[in-house]
N, C-alpha and C. Protein backbone atom coordinates (compact mmCIF):
# COMPACT_ATOMS: atom_id res chain seq x y z
N MET A 1 1.23 1.12 -18.63
CA MET A 1 2.10 0.74 -18.20
C MET A 1 1.98 -0.76 -18.50
N ARG A 2 2.30 -1.97 -18.95
CA ARG A 2 2.53 -3.11 -18.51
C ARG A 2 2.38 -3.77 -17.35
N GLU A 3 1.44 -4.72 -16.98
CA GLU A 3 0.69 -4.81 -15.39
C GLU A 3 1.97 -5.69 -15.18
N GLY A 4 3.20 -6.61 -15.12
CA GLY A 4 4.10 -6.21 -15.04
C GLY A 4 5.11 -5.86 -14.14
N PHE A 5 5.80 -4.91 -15.26
CA PHE A 5 6.12 -3.62 -15.08
C PHE A 5 5.77 -3.23 -13.51
N ARG A 6 4.31 -2.83 -13.68
CA ARG A 6 3.52 -2.06 -12.27
C ARG A 6 3.34 -2.61 -12.10
N ALA A 7 3.72 -4.18 -10.76
CA ALA A 7 3.68 -5.01 -10.35
C ALA A 7 5.40 -4.99 -9.49
N LEU A 8 6.18 -4.83 -10.65
CA LEU A 8 7.37 -4.66 -10.10
C LEU A 8 7.66 -3.50 -8.98
N LEU A 9 7.34 -2.35 -9.56
CA LEU A 9 7.26 -1.32 -9.00
C LEU A 9 6.67 -1.16 -7.89
N ALA A 10 5.49 -1.79 -8.07
CA ALA A 10 4.46 -1.04 -6.26
C ALA A 10 5.43 -2.14 -5.61
N SER A 11 5.94 -3.42 -5.84
CA SER A 11 6.71 -3.91 -4.39
C SER A 11 7.72 -3.56 -4.46
N VAL A 12 8.95 -3.02 -5.57
CA VAL A 12 10.33 -2.37 -5.47
C VAL A 12 9.93 -0.94 -4.49
N GLY A 13 8.74 -0.45 -4.59
CA GLY A 13 8.18 0.82 -3.84
C GLY A 13 8.39 0.33 -2.73
N GLY A 14 7.41 -0.36 -2.06
CA GLY A 14 6.78 -0.55 -1.24
C GLY A 14 7.95 -1.42 -0.25
N ILE A 15 9.02 -1.82 -0.35
CA ILE A 15 9.83 -2.88 -0.12
C ILE A 15 10.19 -1.32 0.27
N LEU A 16 10.82 -0.33 -0.24
CA LEU A 16 11.68 1.16 -0.22
C LEU A 16 11.27 2.05 0.87
N LEU A 17 9.65 1.59 0.12
CA LEU A 17 9.08 2.41 1.81
C LEU A 17 9.23 1.77 3.11
N THR A 18 9.13 1.02 3.42
CA THR A 18 9.07 0.02 4.61
C THR A 18 10.04 0.04 4.99
N LEU A 19 11.33 -0.33 4.30
CA LEU A 19 12.75 -0.19 4.07
C LEU A 19 12.65 1.01 5.10
N GLY A 20 12.82 2.37 4.08
CA GLY A 20 12.82 4.39 4.76
C GLY A 20 11.94 4.02 6.41
N ILE A 21 11.09 3.94 6.79
CA ILE A 21 10.29 4.10 7.69
C ILE A 21 10.68 3.01 9.27
N ILE A 22 11.41 1.78 8.92
CA ILE A 22 11.85 1.82 9.55
C ILE A 22 13.42 1.60 9.72
N ARG A 23 13.62 2.12 9.43
CA ARG A 23 15.16 2.25 9.05
C ARG A 23 15.20 4.54 10.37
N SER A 24 13.97 4.79 10.06
CA SER A 24 13.52 5.96 10.82
C SER A 24 13.68 6.05 11.54
N ILE A 25 13.09 4.81 12.30
CA ILE A 25 12.30 4.39 13.76
C ILE A 25 13.10 4.52 14.09
N THR A 26 14.33 3.54 13.94
CA THR A 26 15.11 2.47 14.38
C THR A 26 16.58 4.04 14.85
N GLY A 27 16.59 4.26 13.82
CA GLY A 27 17.83 5.93 13.81
C GLY A 27 18.93 4.62 12.66
N ALA A 28 19.03 3.50 12.39
CA ALA A 28 19.90 2.76 11.38
C ALA A 28 20.55 3.38 10.84
N TRP A 29 19.94 4.62 10.03
CA TRP A 29 20.49 5.43 9.03
C TRP A 29 20.35 7.22 9.41
N GLY A 30 21.22 8.05 9.05
CA GLY A 30 21.34 9.11 9.26
C GLY A 30 19.29 9.27 8.76
N LEU A 31 18.27 10.05 9.43
CA LEU A 31 16.68 10.37 9.99
C LEU A 31 16.68 11.21 8.44
N GLY A 32 17.78 12.08 7.41
CA GLY A 32 17.00 12.08 6.75
C GLY A 32 17.66 11.64 4.79
N THR A 33 18.13 10.82 5.42
CA THR A 33 18.82 9.31 4.24
C THR A 33 17.22 8.31 4.15
N ALA A 34 16.92 7.87 5.67
CA ALA A 34 15.73 7.14 5.80
C ALA A 34 14.57 7.77 5.50
N LEU A 35 14.47 8.79 5.21
CA LEU A 35 12.89 9.59 4.94
C LEU A 35 13.65 9.92 3.19
N LEU A 36 14.47 9.98 2.93
CA LEU A 36 14.44 9.69 1.18
C LEU A 36 14.32 8.67 0.68
N ILE A 37 14.92 7.54 1.65
CA ILE A 37 14.32 6.06 1.20
C ILE A 37 12.89 6.01 1.11
N ALA A 38 12.28 6.17 2.08
CA ALA A 38 11.32 6.68 2.06
C ALA A 38 9.98 6.94 0.91
N LEU A 39 10.27 8.43 0.87
CA LEU A 39 10.00 8.46 -0.66
C LEU A 39 9.97 8.36 -1.49
N VAL A 40 10.95 7.99 -2.33
CA VAL A 40 11.53 7.42 -3.00
C VAL A 40 10.23 6.47 -3.31
N GLY A 41 10.95 4.89 -1.66
CA GLY A 41 9.77 4.05 -2.18
C GLY A 41 7.92 4.38 -2.41
N GLY A 42 7.74 5.59 -1.59
CA GLY A 42 6.42 5.53 -2.13
C GLY A 42 6.10 6.52 -3.25
N THR A 43 6.76 7.25 -3.72
CA THR A 43 6.96 8.05 -5.18
C THR A 43 6.65 6.58 -6.23
N LEU A 44 7.63 5.91 -5.75
CA LEU A 44 7.05 4.41 -6.89
C LEU A 44 5.15 4.38 -6.96
N ALA A 45 5.02 3.43 -5.73
CA ALA A 45 4.41 2.19 -5.70
C ALA A 45 3.30 3.20 -5.98
N ALA A 46 3.30 4.66 -5.45
CA ALA A 46 1.94 5.30 -6.04
C ALA A 46 2.10 5.84 -8.02
N ILE A 47 3.36 6.06 -8.27
CA ILE A 47 3.88 5.74 -9.77
C ILE A 47 2.33 4.24 -9.98
N SER A 48 2.95 3.83 -9.82
CA SER A 48 2.72 2.45 -9.97
C SER A 48 0.57 1.75 -10.05
N PHE A 49 0.20 3.05 -9.11
CA PHE A 49 -0.83 3.12 -8.40
C PHE A 49 -2.06 3.62 -10.24
N PHE A 50 -1.19 5.33 -9.68
CA PHE A 50 -1.70 5.93 -10.73
C PHE A 50 -1.55 5.51 -11.96
N ALA A 51 -1.27 5.38 -12.37
CA ALA A 51 -1.10 4.81 -14.46
C ALA A 51 -1.83 4.88 -14.40
N PRO A 52 -2.53 3.79 -14.40
CA PRO A 52 -3.94 3.01 -15.42
C PRO A 52 -5.21 4.14 -15.28
N PHE A 53 -4.97 5.12 -14.07
CA PHE A 53 -5.83 6.61 -14.48
C PHE A 53 -5.79 7.40 -15.08
N PHE A 54 -3.93 7.15 -15.66
CA PHE A 54 -3.66 8.49 -16.23
C PHE A 54 -2.93 7.38 -18.62
N SER A 55 -3.56 6.71 -17.89
CA SER A 55 -2.74 5.72 -19.07
C SER A 55 -4.21 6.83 -20.71
N HIS A 56 -4.98 7.10 -20.51
CA HIS A 56 -5.85 7.18 -21.76
C HIS A 56 -6.12 6.63 -22.45
N GLY A 57 -5.14 5.61 -22.44
CA GLY A 57 -5.45 4.61 -23.86
C GLY A 57 -4.14 4.99 -24.89
N ARG A 58 -3.58 5.39 -24.64
CA ARG A 58 -2.04 5.59 -25.29
C ARG A 58 -2.09 3.92 -25.54
N GLY A 59 -0.62 3.77 -26.40
CA GLY A 59 -0.40 2.95 -26.62
C GLY A 59 -0.82 1.90 -27.45
N ARG A 60 -1.03 0.98 -26.53
CA ARG A 60 -0.44 -0.45 -27.20
C ARG A 60 -2.46 -0.97 -26.96
N ASP A 61 -3.34 -0.01 -27.02
CA ASP A 61 -4.74 -0.01 -26.81
C ASP A 61 -4.51 0.64 -27.64
N LYS A 62 -4.51 1.91 -27.71
CA LYS A 62 -4.92 2.68 -29.25
C LYS A 62 -4.80 1.57 -30.55
N ALA A 63 -3.41 0.81 -30.40
CA ALA A 63 -3.39 -0.29 -31.60
C ALA A 63 -3.73 -0.45 -31.98
N GLU A 64 -4.27 -1.58 -30.91
CA GLU A 64 -5.25 -2.80 -31.19
C GLU A 64 -6.36 -2.14 -30.85
N GLY A 65 -7.51 -0.64 -31.35
CA GLY A 65 -8.17 0.42 -31.35
C GLY A 65 -9.27 0.20 -30.43
N GLY A 66 -8.77 0.88 -29.32
CA GLY A 66 -9.21 0.53 -27.89
C GLY A 66 -9.21 1.57 -27.65
């Protein structure tokens, strides 16, 4: 996964996670909607964090002989 895309994914995930937590505490949205937004954001952030551990040299690295 390219570094720029990983950074974007982590940023969007962090924003959604924070937004969902704040909205669930303040009650601005329904609790289910806010927690769903937080879950999606946390999942995006986790994917961007753990992606390098599961790449196993696929894609561009393998083409370059790595």
